[in-house]
Amino acid sequence: VIRPGFEAAAVGRVLEAGGTLTLQQALRCRVRYFTDGLALGGKVFVEGVFERNRRFFGPKRVTGARKMRFAEWGELRTARALRVAPIRAPLTL
């Protein structure tokens, strides 16, 4: 047990099964969206970042904001739709 009520193995099983974590569970994990997502915020904010940096995105891309997966993120969006392990259970010591 890493923290009371939080087991890395249980989180790992949920993610492997394609399940969804609660926001509280996700925030205790290693979340790549925070470092590799480019921009993190509400839809309007991420769309603004996308428009200001349009030249760095492909010509076929129409919108900038992408829903974050694998947890209940609410209205949070990111500029990159991460596909490979965006959330990992924390390492146990």
Protein backbone atom coordinates (compact mmCIF):
# COMPACT_ATOMS: atom_id res chain seq x y z
CA VAL A 1 0.00 0.00 0.00
CA ILE A 2 1.45 3.33 -1.04
CA ARG A 3 -1.12 5.53 0.68
CA PRO A 4 -4.03 4.50 2.85
CA GLY A 5 -6.75 3.24 0.52
CA PHE A 6 -4.52 3.31 -2.57
CA GLU A 7 -2.95 0.16 -3.98
CA ALA A 8 -0.78 0.37 -7.07
CA ALA A 9 -1.67 -3.21 -8.04
CA ALA A 10 -5.39 -2.41 -8.01
CA VAL A 11 -4.84 0.66 -10.18
CA GLY A 12 -2.72 -1.40 -12.56
CA ARG A 13 -5.49 -3.97 -12.90
CA VAL A 14 -8.06 -1.27 -13.70
CA LEU A 15 -5.84 0.26 -16.38
CA GLU A 16 -4.96 -3.12 -17.92
CA ALA A 17 -8.65 -4.00 -18.13
CA GLY A 18 -9.34 -0.74 -19.97
CA GLY A 19 -11.23 0.73 -17.03
CA THR A 20 -11.46 4.31 -15.85
CA LEU A 21 -9.91 5.73 -12.69
CA THR A 22 -11.49 8.36 -10.53
CA LEU A 23 -9.85 11.77 -10.57
CA GLN A 24 -8.45 11.15 -7.08
CA GLN A 25 -6.89 7.84 -8.14
CA ALA A 26 -5.45 9.33 -11.33
CA LEU A 27 -3.79 12.22 -9.50
CA ARG A 28 -1.88 9.73 -7.35
CA CYS A 29 -0.43 8.07 -10.45
CA ARG A 30 2.25 9.05 -12.92
CA VAL A 31 0.31 11.08 -15.49
CA ARG A 32 2.05 11.80 -18.80
CA TYR A 33 -0.62 14.33 -19.77
CA PHE A 34 1.00 16.75 -17.31
CA THR A 35 4.37 16.63 -19.07
CA ASP A 36 3.71 15.46 -22.64
CA GLY A 37 0.25 16.89 -23.26
CA LEU A 38 1.61 20.24 -24.52
CA ALA A 39 -1.27 22.24 -23.02
CA LEU A 40 -3.64 21.27 -20.22
CA GLY A 41 -6.81 23.13 -19.32
CA GLY A 42 -10.35 23.83 -20.39
CA LYS A 43 -11.44 23.44 -23.99
CA VAL A 44 -11.30 27.18 -24.74
CA PHE A 45 -7.79 27.50 -23.31
CA VAL A 46 -6.40 24.52 -25.24
CA GLU A 47 -8.06 25.71 -28.46
CA GLY A 48 -6.38 29.09 -27.96
CA VAL A 49 -2.97 27.45 -27.55
CA PHE A 50 -3.66 25.40 -30.67
CA GLU A 51 -4.60 28.48 -32.73
CA ARG A 52 -1.53 30.43 -31.58
CA ASN A 53 0.71 27.48 -32.50
CA ARG A 54 -1.14 26.29 -35.60
CA ARG A 55 2.05 26.09 -37.66
CA PHE A 56 3.31 23.19 -35.51
CA PHE A 57 0.31 20.97 -36.26
CA GLY A 58 -0.60 19.11 -39.43
CA PRO A 59 -2.82 20.73 -42.07
CA LYS A 60 -5.60 18.14 -41.59
CA ARG A 61 -6.04 18.88 -37.90
CA VAL A 62 -9.15 20.99 -37.38
CA THR A 63 -9.38 21.33 -33.59
CA GLY A 64 -6.80 21.43 -30.83
CA ALA A 65 -8.51 20.18 -27.67
CA ARG A 66 -8.47 16.43 -27.04
CA LYS A 67 -10.29 14.58 -24.27
CA MET A 68 -8.05 12.95 -21.71
CA ARG A 69 -8.64 9.21 -21.35
CA PHE A 70 -8.41 6.53 -18.65
CA ALA A 71 -9.78 8.69 -15.82
CA GLU A 72 -12.72 10.92 -15.00
CA TRP A 73 -11.05 14.22 -15.95
CA GLY A 74 -14.27 16.21 -16.23
CA GLU A 75 -13.86 19.11 -18.64
CA LEU A 76 -10.04 19.03 -18.73
CA ARG A 77 -8.54 18.79 -22.19
CA THR A 78 -5.04 18.46 -23.61
CA ALA A 79 -3.50 19.36 -26.96
CA ARG A 80 -2.07 15.89 -27.51
CA ALA A 81 -4.09 12.68 -27.52
CA LEU A 82 -1.57 10.40 -25.84
CA ARG A 83 -2.04 6.76 -26.80
CA VAL A 84 0.77 4.90 -25.06
CA ALA A 85 0.50 4.69 -21.26
CA PRO A 86 -0.76 8.18 -20.42
CA ILE A 87 -1.35 6.99 -16.85
CA ARG A 88 0.80 4.51 -14.92
CA ALA A 89 0.40 3.16 -11.45
CA PRO A 90 3.06 4.59 -9.15
CA LEU A 91 6.13 2.52 -8.48
CA THR A 92 6.17 0.66 -5.20
CA LEU A 93 9.22 0.80 -2.99
